[in-house]
N, C-alpha and C. Protein backbone atom coordinates (compact mmCIF):
# COMPACT_ATOMS: atom_id res chain seq x y z
N MET A 1 -9.96 -14.20 11.23
CA MET A 1 -10.47 -13.13 10.40
C MET A 1 -11.91 -12.79 10.80
N ALA A 2 -12.71 -13.79 11.02
CA ALA A 2 -14.12 -13.56 11.35
C ALA A 2 -14.27 -12.68 12.58
N PHE A 3 -13.31 -12.78 13.48
CA PHE A 3 -13.33 -12.00 14.71
C PHE A 3 -13.31 -10.50 14.41
N HIS A 4 -12.68 -10.10 13.32
CA HIS A 4 -12.49 -8.68 13.00
C HIS A 4 -13.58 -8.10 12.12
N LEU A 5 -14.50 -8.92 11.63
CA LEU A 5 -15.51 -8.42 10.70
C LEU A 5 -16.43 -7.38 11.33
N ASP A 6 -16.84 -7.59 12.56
CA ASP A 6 -17.73 -6.63 13.21
C ASP A 6 -17.05 -5.29 13.42
N GLY A 7 -15.80 -5.31 13.86
CA GLY A 7 -15.06 -4.07 14.05
C GLY A 7 -14.85 -3.32 12.75
N PHE A 8 -14.55 -4.07 11.69
CA PHE A 8 -14.36 -3.44 10.38
C PHE A 8 -15.68 -2.84 9.89
N ALA A 9 -16.78 -3.57 10.07
CA ALA A 9 -18.10 -3.06 9.67
C ALA A 9 -18.44 -1.79 10.46
N ALA A 10 -18.12 -1.78 11.75
CA ALA A 10 -18.38 -0.60 12.58
C ALA A 10 -17.55 0.59 12.09
N LEU A 11 -16.32 0.34 11.71
CA LEU A 11 -15.47 1.40 11.17
C LEU A 11 -16.09 1.99 9.91
N LEU A 12 -16.55 1.13 9.02
CA LEU A 12 -17.17 1.60 7.77
C LEU A 12 -18.43 2.41 8.05
N CYS A 13 -19.25 1.94 8.98
CA CYS A 13 -20.46 2.69 9.36
C CYS A 13 -20.08 4.06 9.91
N GLY A 14 -19.05 4.09 10.73
CA GLY A 14 -18.57 5.35 11.30
C GLY A 14 -18.05 6.31 10.26
N GLU A 15 -17.58 5.77 9.13
CA GLU A 15 -17.10 6.61 8.03
C GLU A 15 -18.24 7.05 7.10
N GLY A 16 -19.47 6.63 7.42
CA GLY A 16 -20.62 7.10 6.66
C GLY A 16 -21.06 6.21 5.51
N TYR A 17 -20.53 5.01 5.42
CA TYR A 17 -20.95 4.11 4.35
C TYR A 17 -22.40 3.69 4.57
N ALA A 18 -23.13 3.53 3.49
CA ALA A 18 -24.51 3.07 3.55
C ALA A 18 -24.53 1.62 4.02
N TRP A 19 -25.63 1.24 4.67
CA TRP A 19 -25.76 -0.11 5.21
C TRP A 19 -25.56 -1.15 4.12
N LYS A 20 -26.11 -0.92 2.92
CA LYS A 20 -25.99 -1.88 1.82
C LYS A 20 -24.52 -2.08 1.43
N THR A 21 -23.77 -1.00 1.36
CA THR A 21 -22.35 -1.08 1.00
C THR A 21 -21.59 -1.84 2.08
N VAL A 22 -21.86 -1.54 3.34
CA VAL A 22 -21.19 -2.24 4.44
C VAL A 22 -21.51 -3.74 4.35
N HIS A 23 -22.75 -4.07 4.06
CA HIS A 23 -23.16 -5.47 3.93
C HIS A 23 -22.39 -6.16 2.78
N GLU A 24 -22.25 -5.47 1.64
CA GLU A 24 -21.51 -6.03 0.50
C GLU A 24 -20.04 -6.25 0.85
N LYS A 25 -19.45 -5.26 1.53
CA LYS A 25 -18.05 -5.38 1.91
C LYS A 25 -17.86 -6.51 2.93
N ARG A 26 -18.79 -6.62 3.84
CA ARG A 26 -18.70 -7.69 4.85
C ARG A 26 -18.83 -9.07 4.19
N ALA A 27 -19.71 -9.20 3.21
CA ALA A 27 -19.86 -10.46 2.49
C ALA A 27 -18.56 -10.84 1.76
N LEU A 28 -17.92 -9.85 1.17
CA LEU A 28 -16.63 -10.07 0.52
C LEU A 28 -15.61 -10.60 1.53
N LEU A 29 -15.58 -9.99 2.70
CA LEU A 29 -14.59 -10.38 3.70
C LEU A 29 -14.91 -11.74 4.32
N GLU A 30 -16.18 -12.08 4.39
CA GLU A 30 -16.54 -13.43 4.83
C GLU A 30 -16.02 -14.46 3.82
N ASP A 31 -16.12 -14.13 2.53
CA ASP A 31 -15.58 -15.00 1.49
C ASP A 31 -14.05 -15.07 1.60
N LEU A 32 -13.42 -13.95 1.88
CA LEU A 32 -11.96 -13.94 2.09
C LEU A 32 -11.58 -14.84 3.26
N SER A 33 -12.33 -14.79 4.33
CA SER A 33 -12.05 -15.62 5.50
C SER A 33 -12.12 -17.11 5.13
N ARG A 34 -13.14 -17.49 4.35
CA ARG A 34 -13.25 -18.89 3.89
C ARG A 34 -12.09 -19.25 2.98
N TRP A 35 -11.68 -18.32 2.12
CA TRP A 35 -10.55 -18.55 1.21
C TRP A 35 -9.27 -18.79 1.99
N LEU A 36 -9.04 -17.96 3.01
CA LEU A 36 -7.86 -18.15 3.86
C LEU A 36 -7.89 -19.54 4.51
N ASP A 37 -9.04 -19.93 5.00
CA ASP A 37 -9.18 -21.25 5.63
C ASP A 37 -8.90 -22.37 4.62
N ARG A 38 -9.47 -22.26 3.42
CA ARG A 38 -9.25 -23.28 2.38
C ARG A 38 -7.79 -23.43 2.03
N HIS A 39 -7.09 -22.32 2.04
CA HIS A 39 -5.66 -22.33 1.69
C HIS A 39 -4.76 -22.51 2.92
N ARG A 40 -5.39 -22.73 4.06
CA ARG A 40 -4.66 -22.94 5.33
C ARG A 40 -3.65 -21.82 5.61
N LEU A 41 -4.13 -20.60 5.40
CA LEU A 41 -3.30 -19.42 5.63
C LEU A 41 -3.75 -18.72 6.90
N PRO A 42 -2.83 -18.39 7.78
CA PRO A 42 -3.21 -17.61 8.96
C PRO A 42 -3.47 -16.16 8.55
N LEU A 43 -4.19 -15.46 9.38
CA LEU A 43 -4.51 -14.06 9.09
C LEU A 43 -3.25 -13.22 8.86
N ASP A 44 -2.20 -13.47 9.66
CA ASP A 44 -1.01 -12.63 9.52
C ASP A 44 -0.24 -12.89 8.22
N ALA A 45 -0.69 -13.85 7.40
CA ALA A 45 -0.10 -14.07 6.09
C ALA A 45 -0.77 -13.23 5.02
N LEU A 46 -1.85 -12.54 5.39
CA LEU A 46 -2.59 -11.73 4.43
C LEU A 46 -1.81 -10.47 4.09
N ASP A 47 -1.66 -10.22 2.82
CA ASP A 47 -1.01 -9.00 2.33
C ASP A 47 -1.62 -8.66 0.97
N GLU A 48 -1.10 -7.64 0.33
CA GLU A 48 -1.65 -7.20 -0.95
C GLU A 48 -1.59 -8.31 -2.00
N GLU A 49 -0.50 -9.03 -2.05
CA GLU A 49 -0.34 -10.09 -3.05
C GLU A 49 -1.35 -11.21 -2.83
N ARG A 50 -1.53 -11.63 -1.61
CA ARG A 50 -2.51 -12.69 -1.34
C ARG A 50 -3.94 -12.20 -1.59
N PHE A 51 -4.20 -10.93 -1.27
CA PHE A 51 -5.53 -10.40 -1.56
C PHE A 51 -5.78 -10.39 -3.07
N LYS A 52 -4.76 -10.09 -3.87
CA LYS A 52 -4.90 -10.12 -5.33
C LYS A 52 -5.20 -11.54 -5.80
N ARG A 53 -4.55 -12.54 -5.19
CA ARG A 53 -4.82 -13.94 -5.55
C ARG A 53 -6.27 -14.31 -5.22
N PHE A 54 -6.73 -13.85 -4.05
CA PHE A 54 -8.11 -14.08 -3.66
C PHE A 54 -9.07 -13.48 -4.69
N LEU A 55 -8.80 -12.25 -5.12
CA LEU A 55 -9.66 -11.60 -6.12
C LEU A 55 -9.62 -12.35 -7.45
N ALA A 56 -8.44 -12.85 -7.82
CA ALA A 56 -8.33 -13.62 -9.06
C ALA A 56 -9.18 -14.90 -8.98
N ASP A 57 -9.17 -15.54 -7.84
CA ASP A 57 -10.02 -16.72 -7.65
C ASP A 57 -11.50 -16.36 -7.77
N ARG A 58 -11.87 -15.22 -7.20
CA ARG A 58 -13.27 -14.77 -7.29
C ARG A 58 -13.67 -14.50 -8.74
N ARG A 59 -12.75 -13.88 -9.50
CA ARG A 59 -13.05 -13.59 -10.90
C ARG A 59 -13.29 -14.88 -11.68
N ARG A 60 -12.45 -15.89 -11.42
CA ARG A 60 -12.62 -17.17 -12.10
C ARG A 60 -13.96 -17.80 -11.77
N ARG A 61 -14.48 -17.52 -10.59
CA ARG A 61 -15.78 -18.06 -10.19
C ARG A 61 -16.93 -17.12 -10.58
N GLY A 62 -16.61 -16.02 -11.25
CA GLY A 62 -17.64 -15.08 -11.72
C GLY A 62 -18.21 -14.20 -10.63
N LYS A 63 -17.43 -13.90 -9.61
CA LYS A 63 -17.93 -13.11 -8.48
C LYS A 63 -17.22 -11.78 -8.33
N GLU A 64 -16.88 -11.14 -9.41
CA GLU A 64 -16.16 -9.87 -9.32
C GLU A 64 -17.13 -8.72 -9.12
N ARG A 65 -16.75 -7.80 -8.24
CA ARG A 65 -17.55 -6.59 -7.99
C ARG A 65 -16.60 -5.41 -7.94
N ARG A 66 -17.13 -4.25 -8.20
CA ARG A 66 -16.28 -3.05 -8.29
C ARG A 66 -15.69 -2.61 -6.96
N ILE A 67 -16.29 -3.00 -5.85
CA ILE A 67 -15.82 -2.50 -4.55
C ILE A 67 -14.65 -3.30 -3.97
N GLU A 68 -14.26 -4.38 -4.64
CA GLU A 68 -13.35 -5.32 -4.02
C GLU A 68 -11.95 -4.76 -3.75
N ALA A 69 -11.34 -4.10 -4.72
CA ALA A 69 -9.98 -3.60 -4.53
C ALA A 69 -9.94 -2.57 -3.40
N MET A 70 -10.88 -1.65 -3.38
CA MET A 70 -10.94 -0.64 -2.33
C MET A 70 -11.16 -1.30 -0.97
N THR A 71 -12.05 -2.27 -0.93
CA THR A 71 -12.32 -2.97 0.33
C THR A 71 -11.06 -3.65 0.83
N GLY A 72 -10.30 -4.24 -0.08
CA GLY A 72 -9.04 -4.88 0.31
C GLY A 72 -8.07 -3.89 0.92
N ARG A 73 -7.92 -2.73 0.29
CA ARG A 73 -7.01 -1.70 0.84
C ARG A 73 -7.49 -1.26 2.22
N GLN A 74 -8.80 -1.06 2.35
CA GLN A 74 -9.34 -0.64 3.65
C GLN A 74 -9.10 -1.72 4.70
N LEU A 75 -9.36 -2.97 4.36
CA LEU A 75 -9.19 -4.05 5.32
C LEU A 75 -7.73 -4.20 5.73
N LEU A 76 -6.83 -4.18 4.77
CA LEU A 76 -5.41 -4.33 5.10
C LEU A 76 -4.95 -3.19 6.01
N GLY A 77 -5.40 -1.98 5.74
CA GLY A 77 -5.06 -0.85 6.60
C GLY A 77 -5.61 -1.03 8.00
N TYR A 78 -6.86 -1.48 8.09
CA TYR A 78 -7.51 -1.73 9.39
C TYR A 78 -6.73 -2.79 10.18
N LEU A 79 -6.39 -3.89 9.52
CA LEU A 79 -5.67 -4.96 10.20
C LEU A 79 -4.25 -4.55 10.59
N ARG A 80 -3.64 -3.70 9.78
CA ARG A 80 -2.30 -3.20 10.15
C ARG A 80 -2.39 -2.26 11.35
N ASP A 81 -3.44 -1.45 11.39
CA ASP A 81 -3.62 -0.56 12.54
C ASP A 81 -3.80 -1.35 13.83
N LEU A 82 -4.37 -2.55 13.73
CA LEU A 82 -4.56 -3.41 14.90
C LEU A 82 -3.35 -4.31 15.16
N ASP A 83 -2.32 -4.21 14.32
CA ASP A 83 -1.13 -5.07 14.39
C ASP A 83 -1.47 -6.54 14.21
N CYS A 84 -2.47 -6.83 13.40
CA CYS A 84 -2.85 -8.21 13.10
C CYS A 84 -2.05 -8.78 11.93
N ILE A 85 -1.59 -7.89 11.06
CA ILE A 85 -0.75 -8.29 9.93
C ILE A 85 0.45 -7.37 9.89
N PRO A 86 1.55 -7.83 9.30
CA PRO A 86 2.76 -7.00 9.26
C PRO A 86 2.56 -5.69 8.51
N ALA A 87 3.25 -4.68 8.96
CA ALA A 87 3.23 -3.37 8.30
C ALA A 87 3.95 -3.47 6.96
N LEU A 88 3.60 -2.58 6.05
CA LEU A 88 4.31 -2.51 4.78
C LEU A 88 5.73 -2.05 5.03
N PRO A 89 6.69 -2.53 4.23
CA PRO A 89 8.05 -2.02 4.38
C PRO A 89 8.10 -0.54 4.02
N GLN A 90 8.99 0.18 4.67
CA GLN A 90 9.13 1.61 4.39
C GLN A 90 9.70 1.79 3.00
N LYS A 91 9.11 2.75 2.25
CA LYS A 91 9.62 3.06 0.92
C LYS A 91 10.67 4.15 1.03
N ILE A 92 11.72 4.01 0.26
CA ILE A 92 12.75 5.04 0.17
C ILE A 92 12.63 5.64 -1.22
N ASP A 93 12.55 6.98 -1.28
CA ASP A 93 12.37 7.64 -2.57
C ASP A 93 13.47 7.27 -3.56
N ARG A 94 14.68 7.29 -3.11
CA ARG A 94 15.80 6.89 -3.95
C ARG A 94 16.94 6.46 -3.04
N PRO A 95 17.81 5.61 -3.54
CA PRO A 95 18.92 5.16 -2.71
C PRO A 95 19.83 6.31 -2.32
N LEU A 96 20.45 6.19 -1.19
CA LEU A 96 21.35 7.26 -0.73
C LEU A 96 22.48 7.51 -1.71
N TRP A 97 22.98 6.47 -2.37
CA TRP A 97 24.07 6.68 -3.31
C TRP A 97 23.64 7.56 -4.47
N ALA A 98 22.37 7.57 -4.82
CA ALA A 98 21.89 8.40 -5.93
C ALA A 98 22.08 9.87 -5.63
N SER A 99 21.85 10.28 -4.38
CA SER A 99 22.02 11.68 -4.01
C SER A 99 23.48 12.09 -4.13
N SER A 100 24.39 11.28 -3.59
CA SER A 100 25.81 11.64 -3.63
C SER A 100 26.33 11.59 -5.06
N HIS A 101 25.81 10.68 -5.88
CA HIS A 101 26.22 10.59 -7.28
C HIS A 101 25.84 11.86 -8.02
N LYS A 102 24.64 12.36 -7.81
CA LYS A 102 24.21 13.57 -8.50
C LYS A 102 25.04 14.77 -8.08
N ILE A 103 25.35 14.88 -6.81
CA ILE A 103 26.16 16.01 -6.34
C ILE A 103 27.56 15.90 -6.90
N SER A 104 28.13 14.70 -6.92
CA SER A 104 29.50 14.56 -7.42
C SER A 104 29.58 14.83 -8.91
N ASN A 105 28.48 14.73 -9.64
CA ASN A 105 28.47 15.05 -11.05
C ASN A 105 28.09 16.51 -11.31
N GLY A 106 27.98 17.30 -10.28
CA GLY A 106 27.69 18.70 -10.44
C GLY A 106 26.21 19.02 -10.50
N SER A 107 25.35 18.07 -10.23
CA SER A 107 23.92 18.31 -10.27
C SER A 107 23.33 17.98 -8.91
N CYS A 108 22.46 18.83 -8.42
CA CYS A 108 21.85 18.55 -7.11
C CYS A 108 20.33 18.60 -7.20
N GLY A 109 19.79 18.26 -8.36
CA GLY A 109 18.35 18.18 -8.51
C GLY A 109 17.67 19.51 -8.74
N ARG A 110 18.42 20.58 -8.95
CA ARG A 110 17.81 21.89 -9.19
C ARG A 110 17.46 22.02 -10.67
N ASN A 111 16.62 23.00 -10.99
CA ASN A 111 16.34 23.25 -12.41
C ASN A 111 17.57 23.86 -13.06
N ALA A 112 17.57 23.97 -14.37
CA ALA A 112 18.76 24.40 -15.11
C ALA A 112 19.25 25.77 -14.67
N ALA A 113 18.35 26.74 -14.48
CA ALA A 113 18.77 28.10 -14.08
C ALA A 113 19.40 28.06 -12.70
N SER A 114 18.80 27.34 -11.79
CA SER A 114 19.34 27.24 -10.45
C SER A 114 20.68 26.52 -10.47
N HIS A 115 20.80 25.52 -11.32
CA HIS A 115 22.04 24.76 -11.42
C HIS A 115 23.17 25.68 -11.89
N GLN A 116 22.91 26.52 -12.90
CA GLN A 116 23.93 27.43 -13.39
C GLN A 116 24.35 28.41 -12.31
N GLN A 117 23.40 28.86 -11.49
CA GLN A 117 23.71 29.80 -10.41
C GLN A 117 24.64 29.16 -9.39
N HIS A 118 24.46 27.88 -9.10
CA HIS A 118 25.25 27.21 -8.07
C HIS A 118 26.46 26.47 -8.63
N ARG A 119 26.61 26.44 -9.93
CA ARG A 119 27.70 25.69 -10.56
C ARG A 119 29.08 26.14 -10.09
N PRO A 120 29.39 27.43 -10.00
CA PRO A 120 30.74 27.82 -9.57
C PRO A 120 31.09 27.24 -8.20
N THR A 121 30.17 27.27 -7.28
CA THR A 121 30.43 26.73 -5.96
C THR A 121 30.71 25.24 -6.04
N ILE A 122 29.91 24.52 -6.80
CA ILE A 122 30.10 23.08 -6.94
C ILE A 122 31.43 22.80 -7.61
N CYS A 123 31.71 23.53 -8.69
CA CYS A 123 32.95 23.28 -9.42
C CYS A 123 34.17 23.65 -8.59
N ARG A 124 34.10 24.75 -7.83
CA ARG A 124 35.23 25.11 -6.99
C ARG A 124 35.50 24.05 -5.95
N SER A 125 34.42 23.50 -5.41
CA SER A 125 34.61 22.47 -4.40
C SER A 125 35.20 21.20 -5.00
N ARG A 126 35.06 21.03 -6.32
CA ARG A 126 35.64 19.87 -7.00
C ARG A 126 36.99 20.23 -7.59
N GLY A 127 37.43 21.46 -7.42
CA GLY A 127 38.75 21.85 -7.91
C GLY A 127 38.78 22.20 -9.38
N ALA A 128 37.67 22.55 -10.00
CA ALA A 128 37.65 22.84 -11.43
C ALA A 128 38.05 24.28 -11.74
N PHE A 129 37.94 25.19 -10.79
CA PHE A 129 38.29 26.59 -11.07
C PHE A 129 39.62 26.93 -10.51
C-alpha cells in the first residue's frame, strides 16, 4: 500500500486539491496501510467492506474525520484503475426474467397511456382478441 501513496497524492494534486487536504488524505491512507498490516491483509483484499471496518476502528479510537469516506472511494477507484485490487462486480438493473415476465403479463414498462395504445398488439400476440 505504501508504494501507491505517492501516486495517489500526485493524482489528488493534479485534480486541484489543496496541499493540506492531500496531506490529510495521505495520513489517513498511511493509517490504512498500518491497519492492513496489523490484520495481515494483502492490498488486493481491500474493498469497500474492509474500508468500512477500518473506518469503524478509527471511530472507536476517536480519529474520525469528514474526508474519510470520500478518500476511501477515491483510493479504491485509483487502485482498481491500476489493477491492484479486484474490480467491482457488474450490476444488472434487473434480472432478465423480470423483463420477460412483464411482457408476458401485458406490461412492458410504458406509462398507462402508452400501455393502452400498445395493448391490442400485446393481447393479439397472446391470443386474447
